[in-house]
């Protein structure tokens, strides 16, 4: 288990510093991923930026069955039991609502710092863990055409099947702890407090404006 997200990031950093990257850029997925990303940036001396993704929970459903990135890319959790009951109309409406919120958040982040260059760089996408893999898949979809030298998924912990799926969609995947079954990330963290959007923005601000 990890003590907290900072401990998880430091352990992940121990693996990443053994590897070679080209002009590396960490893209942190808020909210919890921002803590991991800022710690990685501090430990490794890599540049840091944000990649906005939000999970999609259709109205009337209890579980989140997809994720949407700031580019509008969407990824589905194919194992979700109610995926078949999702209608095209509700998907369009829910995706539009999420994109409106993502656009608002992006304006806040970009007021602090313009988007970092992605082309010809090693892009390390990070979060505080992977359960279904939908958020990370949406993130990968969103930068597919950005001409990165390589795209690396770098996470402290992940469910093995989801990680294996993601491996086929990126150039490299680095994970400090792979587990066969993982239903909730809090199961592998001693302390796993919620992180709000405002918390994530403040963490980013303290990193890029220092």
C-alpha atoms as a PDB file:
ATOM      1  CA  UNK A   1       0.000   0.000   0.000  1.00  0.00           C
ATOM      2  CA  UNK A   2       0.932   3.647  -0.401  1.00  0.00           C
ATOM      3  CA  UNK A   3       0.837   6.106   2.463  1.00  0.00           C
ATOM      4  CA  UNK A   4      -0.748   8.762   0.261  1.00  0.00           C
ATOM      5  CA  UNK A   5      -0.581  10.151  -3.265  1.00  0.00           C
ATOM      6  CA  UNK A   6       2.778  11.829  -2.636  1.00  0.00           C
ATOM      7  CA  UNK A   7       4.293   8.551  -1.448  1.00  0.00           C
ATOM      8  CA  UNK A   8       2.867   6.806  -4.514  1.00  0.00           C
ATOM      9  CA  UNK A   9       4.356   9.439  -6.808  1.00  0.00           C
ATOM     10  CA  UNK A  10       7.787   9.149  -5.209  1.00  0.00           C
ATOM     11  CA  UNK A  11       7.790   5.395  -5.736  1.00  0.00           C
ATOM     12  CA  UNK A  12       6.746   5.897  -9.335  1.00  0.00           C
ATOM     13  CA  UNK A  13       9.502   8.490  -9.745  1.00  0.00           C
ATOM     14  CA  UNK A  14      12.045   5.885  -8.636  1.00  0.00           C
ATOM     15  CA  UNK A  15      11.073   3.804 -11.672  1.00  0.00           C
ATOM     16  CA  UNK A  16      10.908   6.694 -14.109  1.00  0.00           C
ATOM     17  CA  UNK A  17      14.342   8.088 -13.267  1.00  0.00           C
ATOM     18  CA  UNK A  18      15.881   4.847 -14.546  1.00  0.00           C
ATOM     19  CA  UNK A  19      14.493   5.530 -18.016  1.00  0.00           C
ATOM     20  CA  UNK A  20      15.433   7.920 -20.788  1.00  0.00           C
ATOM     21  CA  UNK A  21      13.012  10.478 -22.194  1.00  0.00           C
ATOM     22  CA  UNK A  22      13.173  13.207 -24.825  1.00  0.00           C
ATOM     23  CA  UNK A  23      12.358  16.670 -23.459  1.00  0.00           C
ATOM     24  CA  UNK A  24       9.815  15.109 -21.045  1.00  0.00           C
ATOM     25  CA  UNK A  25       6.485  16.697 -20.212  1.00  0.00           C
ATOM     26  CA  UNK A  26       4.170  15.395 -17.500  1.00  0.00           C
ATOM     27  CA  UNK A  27       0.466  15.779 -18.212  1.00  0.00           C
ATOM     28  CA  UNK A  28      -1.455  15.395 -14.958  1.00  0.00           C
ATOM     29  CA  UNK A  29      -5.131  14.462 -14.979  1.00  0.00           C
ATOM     30  CA  UNK A  30      -7.004  16.356 -12.257  1.00  0.00           C
ATOM     31  CA  UNK A  31      -8.047  15.893  -9.599  1.00  0.00           C
ATOM     32  CA  UNK A  32      -5.990  13.359  -7.667  1.00  0.00           C
ATOM     33  CA  UNK A  33      -3.591  13.039 -10.555  1.00  0.00           C
ATOM     34  CA  UNK A  34      -2.501  16.620 -10.030  1.00  0.00           C
ATOM     35  CA  UNK A  35      -0.916  15.659  -6.700  1.00  0.00           C
ATOM     36  CA  UNK A  36       0.913  12.780  -8.361  1.00  0.00           C
ATOM     37  CA  UNK A  37       1.960  14.973 -11.287  1.00  0.00           C
ATOM     38  CA  UNK A  38       3.345  17.815  -9.194  1.00  0.00           C
ATOM     39  CA  UNK A  39       5.333  15.401  -7.035  1.00  0.00           C
ATOM     40  CA  UNK A  40       6.738  13.675 -10.126  1.00  0.00           C
ATOM     41  CA  UNK A  41       7.671  17.055 -11.582  1.00  0.00           C
ATOM     42  CA  UNK A  42       9.464  18.048  -8.405  1.00  0.00           C
ATOM     43  CA  UNK A  43      11.249  14.703  -7.995  1.00  0.00           C
ATOM     44  CA  UNK A  44      12.351  14.363 -11.613  1.00  0.00           C
ATOM     45  CA  UNK A  45      12.697  17.977 -12.714  1.00  0.00           C
ATOM     46  CA  UNK A  46      10.284  17.421 -15.603  1.00  0.00           C
ATOM     47  CA  UNK A  47       7.982  20.085 -16.998  1.00  0.00           C
ATOM     48  CA  UNK A  48       4.337  19.880 -15.901  1.00  0.00           C
ATOM     49  CA  UNK A  49       1.016  20.643 -17.546  1.00  0.00           C
ATOM     50  CA  UNK A  50      -2.583  19.554 -17.175  1.00  0.00           C
ATOM     51  CA  UNK A  51      -4.793  17.293 -19.286  1.00  0.00           C
ATOM     52  CA  UNK A  52      -8.463  17.654 -18.437  1.00  0.00           C
ATOM     53  CA  UNK A  53     -10.703  14.586 -18.437  1.00  0.00           C
ATOM     54  CA  UNK A  54     -14.004  14.008 -16.682  1.00  0.00           C
ATOM     55  CA  UNK A  55     -15.877  10.797 -16.016  1.00  0.00           C
ATOM     56  CA  UNK A  56     -19.327  10.500 -17.496  1.00  0.00           C
ATOM     57  CA  UNK A  57     -22.199   9.153 -15.409  1.00  0.00           C
ATOM     58  CA  UNK A  58     -25.402   9.220 -17.470  1.00  0.00           C
ATOM     59  CA  UNK A  59     -28.565  10.357 -15.757  1.00  0.00           C
ATOM     60  CA  UNK A  60     -30.354   7.507 -14.057  1.00  0.00           C
ATOM     61  CA  UNK A  61     -27.222   5.353 -13.802  1.00  0.00           C
ATOM     62  CA  UNK A  62     -25.236   4.671 -10.645  1.00  0.00           C
ATOM     63  CA  UNK A  63     -21.860   4.048 -12.236  1.00  0.00           C
ATOM     64  CA  UNK A  64     -19.517   6.061 -14.429  1.00  0.00           C
ATOM     65  CA  UNK A  65     -19.356   4.263 -17.735  1.00  0.00           C
ATOM     66  CA  UNK A  66     -17.187   6.574 -19.841  1.00  0.00           C
ATOM     67  CA  UNK A  67     -14.770   9.491 -19.747  1.00  0.00           C
ATOM     68  CA  UNK A  68     -14.468  12.617 -21.873  1.00  0.00           C
ATOM     69  CA  UNK A  69     -11.259  14.585 -22.501  1.00  0.00           C
ATOM     70  CA  UNK A  70     -10.870  18.277 -23.265  1.00  0.00           C
ATOM     71  CA  UNK A  71     -10.585  17.497 -26.980  1.00  0.00           C
ATOM     72  CA  UNK A  72     -14.008  15.852 -26.843  1.00  0.00           C
ATOM     73  CA  UNK A  73     -12.538  12.351 -27.138  1.00  0.00           C
ATOM     74  CA  UNK A  74     -14.632   9.770 -25.309  1.00  0.00           C
ATOM     75  CA  UNK A  75     -13.738   6.317 -24.007  1.00  0.00           C
ATOM     76  CA  UNK A  76     -16.180   3.723 -22.667  1.00  0.00           C
ATOM     77  CA  UNK A  77     -15.855   1.202 -19.888  1.00  0.00           C
ATOM     78  CA  UNK A  78     -16.795  -1.877 -21.891  1.00  0.00           C
ATOM     79  CA  UNK A  79     -17.286  -3.896 -18.697  1.00  0.00           C
ATOM     80  CA  UNK A  80     -19.971  -1.565 -17.321  1.00  0.00           C
ATOM     81  CA  UNK A  81     -23.160  -3.625 -16.886  1.00  0.00           C
ATOM     82  CA  UNK A  82     -25.512  -0.835 -18.001  1.00  0.00           C
ATOM     83  CA  UNK A  83     -23.558   0.270 -21.057  1.00  0.00           C
ATOM     84  CA  UNK A  84     -26.100  -1.297 -23.373  1.00  0.00           C
ATOM     85  CA  UNK A  85     -28.906   0.870 -22.001  1.00  0.00           C
ATOM     86  CA  UNK A  86     -27.131   4.126 -22.878  1.00  0.00           C
ATOM     87  CA  UNK A  87     -28.991   6.068 -25.560  1.00  0.00           C
ATOM     88  CA  UNK A  88     -27.330   8.218 -28.198  1.00  0.00           C
ATOM     89  CA  UNK A  89     -29.446  11.207 -27.170  1.00  0.00           C
ATOM     90  CA  UNK A  90     -28.434  11.074 -23.502  1.00  0.00           C
ATOM     91  CA  UNK A  91     -24.794  10.532 -24.454  1.00  0.00           C
ATOM     92  CA  UNK A  92     -24.748  13.647 -26.645  1.00  0.00           C
ATOM     93  CA  UNK A  93     -26.343  15.767 -23.917  1.00  0.00           C
ATOM     94  CA  UNK A  94     -24.130  14.480 -21.113  1.00  0.00           C
ATOM     95  CA  UNK A  95     -20.984  14.836 -23.205  1.00  0.00           C
ATOM     96  CA  UNK A  96     -21.910  18.413 -24.090  1.00  0.00           C
ATOM     97  CA  UNK A  97     -22.460  19.269 -20.418  1.00  0.00           C
ATOM     98  CA  UNK A  98     -19.082  17.814 -19.480  1.00  0.00           C
ATOM     99  CA  UNK A  99     -17.323  19.689 -22.289  1.00  0.00           C
ATOM    100  CA  UNK A 100     -18.850  22.944 -21.056  1.00  0.00           C
ATOM    101  CA  UNK A 101     -17.420  22.311 -17.598  1.00  0.00           C
ATOM    102  CA  UNK A 102     -14.051  21.233 -19.027  1.00  0.00           C
ATOM    103  CA  UNK A 103     -13.889  24.416 -21.111  1.00  0.00           C
ATOM    104  CA  UNK A 104     -14.543  26.512 -18.019  1.00  0.00           C
ATOM    105  CA  UNK A 105     -11.804  24.712 -16.081  1.00  0.00           C
ATOM    106  CA  UNK A 106      -9.375  24.948 -18.979  1.00  0.00           C
ATOM    107  CA  UNK A 107      -9.776  28.733 -19.036  1.00  0.00           C
ATOM    108  CA  UNK A 108      -8.750  28.827 -15.367  1.00  0.00           C
ATOM    109  CA  UNK A 109      -5.660  26.670 -15.902  1.00  0.00           C
ATOM    110  CA  UNK A 110      -4.631  28.506 -19.073  1.00  0.00           C
ATOM    111  CA  UNK A 111      -4.904  31.847 -17.315  1.00  0.00           C
ATOM    112  CA  UNK A 112      -2.109  30.573 -15.073  1.00  0.00           C
ATOM    113  CA  UNK A 113       0.017  29.252 -17.927  1.00  0.00           C
ATOM    114  CA  UNK A 114      -0.418  28.637 -21.679  1.00  0.00           C
ATOM    115  CA  UNK A 115      -0.554  25.060 -22.862  1.00  0.00           C
ATOM    116  CA  UNK A 116       2.862  23.431 -23.087  1.00  0.00           C
ATOM    117  CA  UNK A 117       4.226  22.206 -26.391  1.00  0.00           C
ATOM    118  CA  UNK A 118       3.590  18.510 -26.993  1.00  0.00           C
ATOM    119  CA  UNK A 119       5.209  17.931 -30.385  1.00  0.00           C
ATOM    120  CA  UNK A 120       8.570  16.150 -30.413  1.00  0.00           C
ATOM    121  CA  UNK A 121       8.502  15.439 -26.671  1.00  0.00           C
ATOM    122  CA  UNK A 122       8.093  12.417 -24.437  1.00  0.00           C
ATOM    123  CA  UNK A 123       4.621  12.867 -22.945  1.00  0.00           C
ATOM    124  CA  UNK A 124       4.020  11.196 -19.587  1.00  0.00           C
ATOM    125  CA  UNK A 125       0.314  11.068 -18.731  1.00  0.00           C
ATOM    126  CA  UNK A 126      -0.301  10.469 -15.044  1.00  0.00           C
ATOM    127  CA  UNK A 127      -3.156   9.980 -12.612  1.00  0.00           C
ATOM    128  CA  UNK A 128      -3.393   8.567  -9.091  1.00  0.00           C
ATOM    129  CA  UNK A 129      -4.298   5.148 -10.458  1.00  0.00           C
ATOM    130  CA  UNK A 130      -6.145   3.104 -13.054  1.00  0.00           C
ATOM    131  CA  UNK A 131      -9.253   1.069 -12.267  1.00  0.00           C
ATOM    132  CA  UNK A 132     -11.378   0.752 -15.413  1.00  0.00           C
ATOM    133  CA  UNK A 133      -8.937   2.703 -17.580  1.00  0.00           C
ATOM    134  CA  UNK A 134     -11.603   4.879 -19.220  1.00  0.00           C
ATOM    135  CA  UNK A 135     -10.153   8.204 -18.051  1.00  0.00           C
ATOM    136  CA  UNK A 136      -6.664   7.304 -19.216  1.00  0.00           C
ATOM    137  CA  UNK A 137      -8.017   5.976 -22.519  1.00  0.00           C
ATOM    138  CA  UNK A 138      -9.817   9.273 -23.144  1.00  0.00           C
ATOM    139  CA  UNK A 139      -6.600  11.123 -22.311  1.00  0.00           C
ATOM    140  CA  UNK A 140      -4.666   9.015 -24.805  1.00  0.00           C
ATOM    141  CA  UNK A 141      -7.292   9.653 -27.468  1.00  0.00           C
ATOM    142  CA  UNK A 142      -7.053  13.394 -26.919  1.00  0.00           C
ATOM    143  CA  UNK A 143      -3.348  13.687 -27.764  1.00  0.00           C
ATOM    144  CA  UNK A 144      -3.171  11.082 -30.497  1.00  0.00           C
ATOM    145  CA  UNK A 145      -2.617  13.710 -33.200  1.00  0.00           C
ATOM    146  CA  UNK A 146      -0.297  15.997 -31.260  1.00  0.00           C
ATOM    147  CA  UNK A 147       2.927  14.607 -32.816  1.00  0.00           C
ATOM    148  CA  UNK A 148       4.558  13.610 -29.541  1.00  0.00           C
ATOM    149  CA  UNK A 149       7.825  11.675 -29.776  1.00  0.00           C
ATOM    150  CA  UNK A 150       6.214   9.077 -27.554  1.00  0.00           C
ATOM    151  CA  UNK A 151       3.278   8.785 -25.175  1.00  0.00           C
ATOM    152  CA  UNK A 152       3.909   7.123 -21.829  1.00  0.00           C
ATOM    153  CA  UNK A 153       1.276   6.131 -19.281  1.00  0.00           C
ATOM    154  CA  UNK A 154       2.849   6.597 -15.838  1.00  0.00           C
ATOM    155  CA  UNK A 155       0.722   5.663 -12.820  1.00  0.00           C
ATOM    156  CA  UNK A 156       1.437   4.432  -9.292  1.00  0.00           C
ATOM    157  CA  UNK A 157      -1.138   1.632  -9.334  1.00  0.00           C
ATOM    158  CA  UNK A 158      -3.502  -0.063 -11.733  1.00  0.00           C
ATOM    159  CA  UNK A 159      -5.786  -3.007 -12.301  1.00  0.00           C
ATOM    160  CA  UNK A 160      -3.883  -5.465 -14.452  1.00  0.00           C
ATOM    161  CA  UNK A 161      -6.468  -6.052 -17.195  1.00  0.00           C
ATOM    162  CA  UNK A 162      -7.041  -2.324 -17.637  1.00  0.00           C
ATOM    163  CA  UNK A 163      -3.290  -1.708 -17.783  1.00  0.00           C
ATOM    164  CA  UNK A 164      -2.842  -4.392 -20.420  1.00  0.00           C
ATOM    165  CA  UNK A 165      -5.505  -2.699 -22.550  1.00  0.00           C
ATOM    166  CA  UNK A 166      -3.777   0.665 -22.164  1.00  0.00           C
ATOM    167  CA  UNK A 167      -0.402  -0.830 -23.087  1.00  0.00           C
ATOM    168  CA  UNK A 168      -1.743  -1.444 -26.574  1.00  0.00           C
ATOM    169  CA  UNK A 169      -2.645   2.234 -26.898  1.00  0.00           C
ATOM    170  CA  UNK A 170       0.584   3.909 -25.775  1.00  0.00           C
ATOM    171  CA  UNK A 171       4.309   3.577 -26.430  1.00  0.00           C
ATOM    172  CA  UNK A 172       5.302   2.687 -22.867  1.00  0.00           C
ATOM    173  CA  UNK A 173       3.511   2.071 -19.597  1.00  0.00           C
ATOM    174  CA  UNK A 174       5.183   2.414 -16.206  1.00  0.00           C
ATOM    175  CA  UNK A 175       3.302   1.324 -13.091  1.00  0.00           C
ATOM    176  CA  UNK A 176       4.698   0.851  -9.597  1.00  0.00           C
ATOM    177  CA  UNK A 177       2.018  -1.597  -8.443  1.00  0.00           C
ATOM    178  CA  UNK A 178      -0.120  -3.832 -10.654  1.00  0.00           C
ATOM    179  CA  UNK A 179      -2.956  -5.732  -8.966  1.00  0.00           C
ATOM    180  CA  UNK A 180      -5.275  -8.398 -10.314  1.00  0.00           C
ATOM    181  CA  UNK A 181      -8.422  -6.890  -8.785  1.00  0.00           C
ATOM    182  CA  UNK A 182      -8.961  -3.243  -7.958  1.00  0.00           C
ATOM    183  CA  UNK A 183     -12.423  -1.810  -7.419  1.00  0.00           C
ATOM    184  CA  UNK A 184     -11.488   1.413  -5.673  1.00  0.00           C
ATOM    185  CA  UNK A 185      -8.193   3.282  -5.471  1.00  0.00           C
ATOM    186  CA  UNK A 186      -8.673   3.995  -1.774  1.00  0.00           C
ATOM    187  CA  UNK A 187      -8.093   0.273  -1.156  1.00  0.00           C
ATOM    188  CA  UNK A 188      -4.353   0.714  -1.841  1.00  0.00           C
ATOM    189  CA  UNK A 189      -3.837   4.062  -0.084  1.00  0.00           C
ATOM    190  CA  UNK A 190      -3.637   4.500   3.687  1.00  0.00           C
ATOM    191  CA  UNK A 191      -4.751   8.113   3.220  1.00  0.00           C
ATOM    192  CA  UNK A 192      -6.852   8.987   0.198  1.00  0.00           C
ATOM    193  CA  UNK A 193      -8.683  12.246   0.893  1.00  0.00           C
ATOM    194  CA  UNK A 194     -10.962  13.697  -1.781  1.00  0.00           C
ATOM    195  CA  UNK A 195      -9.458  16.360  -4.024  1.00  0.00           C
ATOM    196  CA  UNK A 196     -11.759  19.075  -5.345  1.00  0.00           C
ATOM    197  CA  UNK A 197     -11.410  21.009  -8.590  1.00  0.00           C
ATOM    198  CA  UNK A 198     -10.360  24.055  -6.572  1.00  0.00           C
ATOM    199  CA  UNK A 199      -7.752  21.973  -4.715  1.00  0.00           C
ATOM    200  CA  UNK A 200      -6.326  20.782  -8.024  1.00  0.00           C
ATOM    201  CA  UNK A 201      -6.133  24.314  -9.408  1.00  0.00           C
ATOM    202  CA  UNK A 202      -4.383  25.570  -6.273  1.00  0.00           C
ATOM    203  CA  UNK A 203      -1.849  22.734  -6.442  1.00  0.00           C
ATOM    204  CA  UNK A 204      -1.137  23.548 -10.087  1.00  0.00           C
ATOM    205  CA  UNK A 205      -0.875  27.261  -9.315  1.00  0.00           C
ATOM    206  CA  UNK A 206       1.631  26.682  -6.509  1.00  0.00           C
ATOM    207  CA  UNK A 207       3.773  24.595  -8.875  1.00  0.00           C
ATOM    208  CA  UNK A 208       3.832  26.681 -12.048  1.00  0.00           C
ATOM    209  CA  UNK A 209       3.973  30.101 -10.363  1.00  0.00           C
ATOM    210  CA  UNK A 210       6.646  29.390  -7.788  1.00  0.00           C
END
